[in-house]
Amino acid sequence: MCYLHEIHILHQDLRLKNILLNITKEETMNETTKYVVLKLIDFEVSKVDIRSNPKATKNDYF
């Protein structure tokens, strides 16, 4: 969320059903590591402040 806010994108519909969570386990010889990947979905009602982000244009995000 911090990254999205830094580039002036507001999700506006953040709730549990719009968050995907993927947990993977990687095993090496003597160590097991778990990785968690969190993805936000459903940006239908999101807003992009194009004036505040020089990289943003209407074509970049839509």
Protein backbone atom coordinates (compact mmCIF):
# COMPACT_ATOMS: atom_id res chain seq x y z
CA MET A 1 0.00 0.00 0.00
CA CYS A 2 2.83 2.40 0.72
CA TYR A 3 4.17 1.95 -2.79
CA LEU A 4 0.76 2.58 -4.33
CA HIS A 5 0.32 5.71 -2.26
CA GLU A 6 3.80 6.92 -3.20
CA ILE A 7 2.81 6.80 -6.87
CA HIS A 8 -0.56 8.36 -6.05
CA ILE A 9 -2.83 5.37 -6.58
CA LEU A 10 -5.69 4.91 -4.12
CA HIS A 11 -7.30 1.46 -4.03
CA GLN A 12 -10.53 2.61 -2.35
CA ASP A 13 -11.89 -0.92 -1.85
CA LEU A 14 -9.37 -2.58 0.42
CA ARG A 15 -10.92 -5.53 2.23
CA LEU A 16 -10.05 -9.17 2.82
CA LYS A 17 -11.69 -10.48 -0.34
CA ASN A 18 -9.43 -8.20 -2.43
CA ILE A 19 -6.21 -9.61 -0.99
CA LEU A 20 -4.62 -12.78 -2.32
CA LEU A 21 -2.06 -14.58 -0.20
CA ASN A 22 0.36 -17.17 -1.53
CA ILE A 23 2.62 -19.06 0.88
CA THR A 24 5.42 -21.16 -0.59
CA LYS A 25 7.99 -23.28 1.14
CA GLU A 26 11.51 -23.78 -0.09
CA GLU A 27 13.63 -26.53 1.40
CA THR A 28 17.39 -26.71 1.19
CA MET A 29 19.69 -29.25 2.80
CA ASN A 30 19.26 -28.11 6.37
CA GLU A 31 16.86 -25.20 6.19
CA THR A 32 13.25 -24.54 5.32
CA THR A 33 12.20 -21.06 4.30
CA LYS A 34 8.65 -19.84 3.83
CA TYR A 35 7.86 -17.00 1.46
CA VAL A 36 4.66 -15.00 1.59
CA VAL A 37 3.47 -13.11 -1.48
CA LEU A 38 0.60 -10.72 -0.98
CA LYS A 39 -1.31 -9.39 -4.01
CA LEU A 40 -3.96 -6.72 -4.12
CA ILE A 41 -6.74 -7.21 -6.64
CA ASP A 42 -9.88 -5.43 -7.85
CA PHE A 43 -8.74 -1.95 -8.75
CA GLU A 44 -12.08 -1.10 -10.40
CA VAL A 45 -12.83 1.84 -8.11
CA SER A 46 -9.22 2.94 -7.66
CA LYS A 47 -8.11 6.46 -8.44
CA VAL A 48 -4.87 7.72 -9.93
CA ASP A 49 -3.85 11.31 -9.29
CA ILE A 50 -2.16 12.03 -12.61
CA ARG A 51 -1.24 15.59 -11.64
CA SER A 52 0.86 14.41 -8.66
CA ASN A 53 2.73 11.66 -10.45
CA PRO A 54 4.81 12.73 -13.47
CA LYS A 55 5.16 9.08 -14.58
CA ALA A 56 1.41 8.55 -14.63
CA THR A 57 -0.62 9.17 -17.71
CA LYS A 58 -4.04 7.84 -18.48
CA ASN A 59 -2.55 5.23 -20.82
CA ASP A 60 -0.07 3.89 -18.25
CA TYR A 61 -2.65 2.58 -15.83
CA PHE A 62 -5.82 2.10 -17.83
